[in-house]
Every structure is written in structure tokens, then in C-alpha cells.
Protein backbone atom coordinates (compact mmCIF):
# COMPACT_ATOMS: atom_id res chain seq x y z
CA MET A 1 -2.42 9.81 -95.92
CA LEU A 2 -3.93 12.08 -98.74
CA ASP A 3 -1.87 14.16 -101.33
CA PHE A 4 -2.49 17.87 -100.79
CA GLU A 5 -4.93 18.51 -103.69
CA THR A 6 -7.16 15.61 -102.77
CA PHE A 7 -7.02 17.11 -99.19
CA VAL A 8 -7.89 20.58 -100.44
CA ILE A 9 -11.25 19.23 -102.04
CA ALA A 10 -11.93 17.31 -98.95
CA VAL A 11 -11.90 20.50 -96.99
CA TYR A 12 -14.10 22.11 -99.62
CA VAL A 13 -16.60 19.21 -99.42
CA VAL A 14 -16.66 19.51 -95.57
CA ILE A 15 -17.19 23.61 -95.76
CA ASP A 16 -19.43 23.99 -98.67
CA PRO A 17 -22.83 22.75 -97.54
CA ILE A 18 -22.36 25.04 -94.22
CA VAL A 19 -21.73 28.12 -96.30
CA SER A 20 -24.15 27.40 -98.96
CA GLN A 21 -26.85 29.53 -97.31
CA PRO A 22 -24.68 32.36 -95.65
CA PRO A 23 -26.34 35.35 -93.75
CA PRO A 24 -26.59 38.13 -96.61
CA PRO A 25 -23.14 39.91 -96.79
CA PRO A 26 -23.01 43.65 -96.24
CA GLN A 27 -23.54 45.87 -98.98
CA ARG A 28 -20.04 47.22 -100.21
CA ARG A 29 -19.40 49.45 -103.27
CA GLY A 30 -17.25 48.20 -105.87
CA ARG A 31 -17.04 44.85 -108.17
CA ARG A 32 -18.19 41.58 -106.94
CA PRO A 33 -15.57 39.53 -105.26
CA LYS A 34 -14.01 36.80 -107.74
CA LEU A 35 -14.13 34.15 -104.99
CA TRP A 36 -17.35 32.62 -103.57
CA PRO A 37 -17.64 32.52 -99.56
CA SER A 38 -16.94 28.81 -99.57
CA GLU A 39 -13.92 29.08 -101.52
CA VAL A 40 -12.61 32.10 -99.26
CA VAL A 41 -13.23 30.05 -96.24
CA THR A 42 -11.69 26.91 -97.53
CA LEU A 43 -8.59 28.85 -98.56
CA ALA A 44 -8.82 30.65 -95.05
CA LEU A 45 -8.77 27.10 -93.39
CA LEU A 46 -5.93 25.79 -95.53
CA SER A 47 -3.70 28.86 -94.81
CA GLN A 48 -3.58 28.02 -91.20
CA LEU A 49 -1.65 24.90 -91.74
CA ALA A 50 1.83 24.66 -90.14
CA ARG A 51 3.40 23.45 -93.47
CA PHE A 52 3.01 27.17 -94.53
CA ARG A 53 5.20 29.58 -92.61
CA SER A 54 3.34 32.67 -93.25
CA GLU A 55 0.24 34.11 -95.38
CA ARG A 56 2.97 35.13 -97.97
CA ASP A 57 4.08 31.52 -98.10
CA PHE A 58 0.58 30.07 -98.64
CA SER A 59 -0.12 32.74 -101.15
CA ARG A 60 2.93 31.85 -103.31
CA PHE A 61 1.94 28.04 -102.89
CA ALA A 62 -1.68 28.56 -103.80
CA ASP A 63 -0.73 30.84 -106.85
CA THR A 64 1.67 28.02 -108.25
CA GLN A 65 -0.33 24.85 -106.86
CA LEU A 66 -4.04 25.71 -106.39
CA ARG A 67 -4.88 27.86 -109.56
CA GLY A 68 -6.38 24.90 -111.14
CA LEU A 69 -8.84 24.65 -108.33
CA PHE A 70 -9.35 28.19 -107.68
CA PRO A 71 -9.11 29.72 -111.15
CA GLN A 72 -10.24 33.05 -109.70
CA LEU A 73 -7.68 33.35 -107.09
CA PRO A 74 -6.77 37.10 -106.32
CA ASP A 75 -3.46 38.42 -105.35
CA ARG A 76 -2.11 38.06 -101.64
CA SER A 77 -3.52 41.45 -100.17
CA GLN A 78 -7.10 40.70 -101.86
CA LEU A 79 -7.29 37.49 -100.43
CA ASN A 80 -6.29 38.50 -97.14
CA ARG A 81 -8.97 41.10 -97.15
CA ALA A 82 -11.45 38.73 -98.04
CA ILE A 83 -10.64 36.43 -95.45
CA ARG A 84 -10.99 39.14 -93.01
CA GLN A 85 -14.28 40.30 -94.09
CA GLN A 86 -15.41 36.53 -93.68
CA HIS A 87 -14.81 36.40 -89.77
CA GLU A 88 -18.49 35.94 -89.27
CA LEU A 89 -18.73 33.03 -91.61
CA LEU A 90 -15.56 31.49 -90.34
CA THR A 91 -17.02 31.65 -86.47
CA ILE A 92 -20.32 29.98 -88.24
CA CYS A 93 -18.24 27.30 -89.67
CA GLY A 94 -16.45 26.47 -86.49
CA ARG A 95 -19.63 25.91 -84.48
CA THR A 96 -21.63 24.34 -86.90
CA LEU A 97 -18.90 21.69 -87.21
CA ALA A 98 -18.87 21.28 -83.62
CA ARG A 99 -22.62 20.81 -83.68
CA GLN A 100 -22.57 18.20 -86.26
CA LEU A 101 -19.70 16.13 -84.48
CA GLY A 102 -22.17 16.09 -81.42
CA ALA A 103 -20.55 18.64 -79.20
CA GLN A 104 -24.04 19.16 -77.43
CA LEU A 105 -23.98 15.57 -76.04
CA ALA A 106 -20.85 15.80 -73.98
CA PRO A 107 -21.19 15.19 -70.44
CA TYR A 108 -18.92 17.98 -69.64
CA GLU A 109 -16.61 20.39 -71.06
CA LEU A 110 -13.03 21.68 -70.66
CA LEU A 111 -11.63 25.39 -70.17
CA ASP A 112 -8.11 26.69 -70.29
CA GLY A 113 -6.16 29.67 -71.43
CA THR A 114 -3.07 30.37 -73.30
CA VAL A 115 -1.30 33.62 -74.27
CA LEU A 116 -0.62 34.88 -77.80
CA ALA A 117 2.27 37.08 -78.34
CA VAL A 118 2.22 40.20 -80.69
CA ARG A 119 5.66 41.52 -79.95
CA ASN A 120 8.60 41.11 -77.50
CA ALA A 121 7.35 42.21 -73.98
CA LYS A 122 10.89 44.02 -73.64
CA ARG A 123 10.73 45.96 -76.98
CA ARG A 124 10.50 49.69 -76.59
CA GLY A 125 7.88 51.77 -78.53
CA ALA A 126 4.28 51.33 -79.04
CA GLY A 127 3.96 48.76 -81.82
CA VAL A 128 0.60 47.89 -83.48
CA LEU A 129 -2.59 47.05 -81.64
CA VAL A 130 -1.77 49.47 -78.72
CA GLU A 131 -5.51 49.84 -77.65
CA SER A 132 -6.00 46.00 -77.73
CA ARG A 133 -3.14 44.28 -76.40
CA ALA A 134 -1.49 44.25 -73.11
CA VAL A 135 1.48 42.82 -71.26
CA GLY A 136 0.48 39.49 -69.14
CA PHE A 137 2.28 36.70 -67.38
CA SER A 138 2.45 33.21 -68.62
CA PRO A 139 3.96 30.36 -66.30
CA ARG A 140 5.42 28.87 -69.46
CA LEU A 141 6.37 31.74 -71.48
CA GLY A 142 7.05 34.46 -68.73
CA TRP A 143 5.80 38.08 -69.56
CA VAL A 144 4.16 38.28 -72.78
CA ASP A 145 2.78 41.29 -74.97
CA GLY A 146 -0.42 40.35 -76.71
CA PHE A 147 -3.59 38.54 -76.03
CA ARG A 148 -5.01 35.67 -73.86
CA LEU A 149 -7.09 32.98 -75.66
CA LEU A 150 -9.86 31.10 -73.55
CA VAL A 151 -10.76 27.51 -75.20
CA CYS A 152 -13.40 25.36 -74.33
CA THR A 153 -13.58 21.66 -75.55
CA THR A 154 -15.29 18.43 -75.22
CA PRO A 155 -13.77 15.51 -73.71
CA GLU A 156 -13.04 14.37 -77.51
CA GLY A 157 -11.19 17.65 -78.35
CA ILE A 158 -13.98 19.30 -80.36
CA ILE A 159 -13.70 23.14 -79.75
CA THR A 160 -17.10 24.59 -78.88
CA GLY A 161 -16.09 27.95 -78.15
CA TYR A 162 -13.26 30.62 -77.38
CA GLY A 163 -12.74 34.10 -76.33
CA LEU A 164 -9.82 36.49 -76.90
CA ALA A 165 -8.90 39.34 -74.53
CA PRO A 166 -5.69 41.39 -73.67
CA ALA A 167 -2.90 39.50 -71.97
CA ASN A 168 -3.38 41.09 -68.40
CA TYR A 169 -6.68 39.33 -68.18
CA ASN A 170 -6.64 36.29 -66.03
CA ASP A 171 -8.21 32.90 -66.63
CA ARG A 172 -11.13 33.61 -64.00
CA GLN A 173 -11.84 37.18 -65.72
CA LEU A 174 -11.95 35.43 -69.20
CA ALA A 175 -14.24 32.62 -67.83
CA ASP A 176 -16.81 35.06 -66.12
CA THR A 177 -17.31 36.96 -69.42
CA PHE A 178 -17.27 33.80 -71.30
CA LEU A 179 -20.03 32.04 -69.15
CA THR A 180 -22.10 35.18 -68.77
CA GLU A 181 -22.21 35.41 -72.77
CA ARG A 182 -23.12 31.58 -73.00
CA ALA A 183 -26.01 32.17 -70.89
CA ALA A 184 -27.32 35.28 -72.33
CA PRO A 185 -30.70 34.71 -74.62
CA ILE A 186 -29.07 37.04 -77.17
CA GLN A 187 -25.10 36.65 -77.63
CA GLN A 188 -23.02 39.60 -78.45
CA VAL A 189 -19.91 37.43 -78.53
CA ARG A 190 -20.68 34.48 -80.95
CA THR A 191 -17.39 32.88 -80.72
CA VAL A 192 -18.58 31.48 -77.04
CA GLY A 193 -20.76 28.95 -78.71
CA ARG A 194 -23.56 27.28 -76.42
CA ALA A 195 -22.95 25.21 -73.51
CA ALA A 196 -23.65 21.58 -73.44
CA SER A 197 -24.31 20.15 -69.99
CA GLY A 198 -23.22 23.34 -68.08
CA GLU A 199 -20.42 21.28 -66.25
CA TYR A 200 -16.58 22.61 -66.84
CA LEU A 201 -13.48 21.02 -65.67
CA ALA A 202 -10.80 23.98 -65.49
CA ASP A 203 -7.16 24.41 -63.82
CA ALA A 204 -6.52 26.17 -60.43
CA GLY A 205 -6.09 29.61 -62.56
CA PHE A 206 -10.16 29.51 -62.47
CA ALA A 207 -10.44 28.24 -58.82
CA ALA A 208 -12.54 31.02 -56.55
CA ARG A 209 -15.12 30.15 -54.16
CA GLU A 210 -17.10 33.18 -54.73
CA ALA A 211 -16.80 33.16 -58.67
CA GLN A 212 -17.68 29.53 -58.51
CA ALA A 213 -20.72 29.82 -56.41
CA ARG A 214 -21.97 32.72 -58.41
CA TRP A 215 -21.44 31.07 -61.93
CA ALA A 216 -23.56 28.21 -60.28
CA ALA A 217 -26.25 30.23 -59.12
CA THR A 218 -26.86 32.65 -61.77
CA LEU A 219 -25.51 31.05 -64.85
CA ASP A 220 -25.99 27.40 -64.39
CA ALA A 221 -22.38 26.58 -64.94
CA VAL A 222 -20.69 24.44 -62.51
CA VAL A 223 -16.77 24.71 -62.73
CA VAL A 224 -14.74 22.34 -61.16
CA ALA A 225 -10.98 23.43 -60.38
CA PRO A 226 -8.68 22.28 -58.04
CA PRO A 227 -7.87 24.70 -55.15
CA LYS A 228 -4.68 26.62 -55.34
CA THR A 229 -1.60 25.58 -53.67
CA ASP A 230 -1.96 28.09 -50.88
CA SER A 231 -5.52 27.59 -50.29
CA ALA A 232 -6.98 26.10 -47.15
CA ASP A 233 -9.06 23.72 -49.17
CA ARG A 234 -7.35 20.17 -50.05
CA TRP A 235 -8.20 17.79 -52.66
CA PRO A 236 -7.13 14.12 -52.38
CA LYS A 237 -4.10 13.18 -54.37
CA ALA A 238 -6.35 10.59 -56.37
CA TRP A 239 -8.71 13.45 -57.15
CA ARG A 240 -5.95 15.62 -58.38
CA ARG A 241 -4.57 12.93 -60.72
CA LEU A 242 -7.95 11.96 -62.19
CA HIS A 243 -8.76 15.60 -62.75
CA ALA A 244 -5.35 16.37 -64.49
CA HIS A 245 -5.74 13.08 -66.74
CA LEU A 246 -9.43 14.36 -67.71
CA ARG A 247 -7.93 17.89 -68.51
CA GLN A 248 -5.13 16.63 -70.74
CA VAL A 249 -7.23 16.95 -73.91
CA VAL A 250 -7.87 20.67 -73.76
CA GLU A 251 -4.03 20.96 -73.30
CA THR A 252 -3.67 18.82 -76.35
CA VAL A 253 -6.03 20.76 -78.34
CA ILE A 254 -4.08 23.99 -77.52
CA ASP A 255 -0.91 22.45 -78.36
CA ARG A 256 -2.46 21.51 -81.69
CA LEU A 257 -3.57 25.28 -82.22
CA GLN A 258 -0.14 26.59 -81.36
CA HIS A 259 2.09 24.31 -83.47
CA LEU A 260 0.23 22.38 -86.30
CA LEU A 261 -2.05 25.26 -86.86
CA ARG A 262 0.56 27.86 -86.41
CA LEU A 263 -1.11 29.81 -83.69
CA ALA A 264 2.16 30.34 -81.76
CA ASP A 265 4.02 32.04 -84.64
CA ASP A 266 1.33 34.27 -86.10
CA ARG A 267 1.85 38.13 -85.77
CA PRO A 268 -1.08 39.76 -87.38
CA ARG A 269 -1.03 43.64 -87.71
CA THR A 270 -4.88 44.25 -87.11
CA LEU A 271 -7.46 43.24 -84.69
CA GLY A 272 -9.46 41.90 -87.54
CA GLY A 273 -6.32 39.69 -88.49
CA TRP A 274 -6.30 38.16 -85.22
CA PHE A 275 -9.86 37.75 -84.98
CA SER A 276 -10.25 35.83 -88.57
CA ARG A 277 -7.14 33.69 -87.88
CA VAL A 278 -8.28 32.43 -84.59
CA ALA A 279 -11.54 31.68 -86.18
CA ALA A 280 -10.18 29.92 -89.00
CA LYS A 281 -7.84 27.87 -87.05
CA VAL A 282 -10.94 26.69 -84.86
CA ALA A 283 -12.77 25.75 -87.97
CA MET A 284 -10.05 23.91 -89.39
CA HIS A 285 -9.51 22.08 -86.06
CA ASN A 286 -12.91 20.85 -85.97
CA ALA A 287 -12.89 20.00 -89.68
CA LEU A 288 -9.93 17.83 -89.17
CA ILE A 289 -11.65 16.04 -86.61
CA ALA A 290 -14.67 15.68 -88.96
CA TRP A 291 -12.40 14.27 -91.68
CA ASN A 292 -10.58 11.70 -89.18
CA ARG A 293 -13.85 10.39 -88.29
CA GLN A 294 -14.84 9.79 -91.84
CA CYS A 295 -11.49 7.93 -92.16
CA GLY A 296 -11.39 6.08 -89.09
CA ALA A 297 -8.53 8.08 -87.46
CA PRO A 298 -8.34 9.18 -84.04
CA ASP A 299 -9.86 12.65 -83.61
CA LEU A 300 -6.60 14.51 -82.88
CA ALA A 301 -4.54 12.71 -85.04
CA TYR A 302 -3.55 15.52 -87.30
CA ALA A 303 -0.23 14.06 -88.55
CA GLU A 304 -2.22 10.96 -90.24
CA VAL A 305 -4.32 13.28 -92.30
CA ILE A 306 -1.80 14.35 -95.00
CA GLY A 307 1.58 13.12 -93.50
CA TRP A 308 2.92 16.32 -91.84
């Protein structure tokens, strides 16, 4: 286990080589930002840890404990703005770390979806993000007002891509867009990443004969999903057990994002806030795997890093 200051330096050392040659930032009026991009990205990743209850909590901690490492640390609103402006760089960090960890060598990938609540589904009034969110159903949480997140991982738990949509989209709809973007020569949604082998394991929510045949024929994506319970097709019990066993990794990854990286508790008020936070959590997840491998710890053993 590390003390937190050593852990901060370790994260910076992992991130700095990736962002040392970032794409040229858009021209903006005003003074040059106080923090370098690598510092902003490092703080963005650290702020996702579950030991901080919110952005405000992290800002207070950074102001009192991290000022020595980040002497030009701005106030909370300026830091949050800087993090939102680095969404593309956060996405690049997540993808680069996945590539460095060997994600392209994976024999197959795992797909799964989860809902992200913005507000109580029974609450009256429009609230925030009216044009972007929607009410959708989750077997685990019931009706949720917010977004749906599709996550793609390797068998080791490295996140290779993700997609975000309103909560009323189902997993099959998200997968259709996700796989189409992955197959495109020029991607419009860079968060989806690139496919490894083109083979995927998914749950019954992705099962549909026509869709699976179309993905295989036009997108070179073979999605293996068990038939739904009301389907005429049947898998042997041994197949279902093996399939469920192999898919436990992606469920563990989503659990890590939701609880140890605070995804289930976040409530950003802007779409840019959602995009930047999800990108930061994905990058932090892959950075923790990279650090665990350096230390000889299991890939997903988050608790062994700094003793949460």
C-alpha cells in the first residue's frame, strides 16, 4: 500500500508521457491556464476516487494536502472547467493505457450495460439535461431517469471502449451504434475504441438473431449472447454456466466504476460534466490496472493500491 502523496506522483508518472504531446488545444481568449494538461488530467483522475464524496470534497482536500505538488492549483470552479475542457485528452489517456496494457491482443471482448441516474424517476419537473436524459428500466434499480452506459472490456478487465446514451435505449441499440462506430474508418465517437479480435461475449439483452447476423456480416463483429428465456432456442446448461463465468469480469469492472470510482453517486449538471467524468473514470480504471501490474498485484485489486 502507498501513502496518498506517493500515489499521486505515481499517477502523474503514468499519465505524463501520454499527454506530453497532446493535440493542439482550441484557441481561447484570456490568460494561459495555470495548470499544464498533464496536471489537469492527473487531478481529474484522482478526483474520481470513492474516498472523496464529491468534487467539492476533493477540492478541499487538494487545497490543503496537494498544494505542494500543484502550487498553481486554481479554485474549484476553475479546476472543474479545466477538467471539462480536457475531455478529449482524458479519452485519449484511457485508450492509450488500454493499448499499452495489451488490449489489442485480447482473444475476445466483453459487453455489458448499466444505468446512470441523474435524478429520481418519480420526481416532478424537468430538472437538468432535459434534452439528453430519459427514463429507462433497469432490472436491478427499476425505473431510472438518466443515461445508459455501455462498457467493453478485455477478459482481464481493461476497458477498451464505452458509449453513453439516454436511459431508454436498450443494450442492443447501444451495441448497434457502438459496433458500427468501431467498424468506421473515421470514428465520430472516439470513446468506442478499436476492436481486438472482433468477437464479443454479451448477456441476453444483446441477443437477437437478425441483429447478430447483420453485425457479423457487415461489421465483422461476432456477438455471442445466450438466447432469452422466451426464445425457441436453447443453450445447454453447461454453455450457460461457462458463458456466465467468463462474463463475470465485465460485471466486476462495472462494480468498480460504480462504487470504487463513484460512478453510481455522481450527479453532474451538464452533459460535458458527464462526458468528462466518465472518461476520467475509465482512464483511472486502466491506470490502476497499469499500476497494479507494476506492483505485482491482481489487475482489479483496487483496494491493495492505497488501502481504501
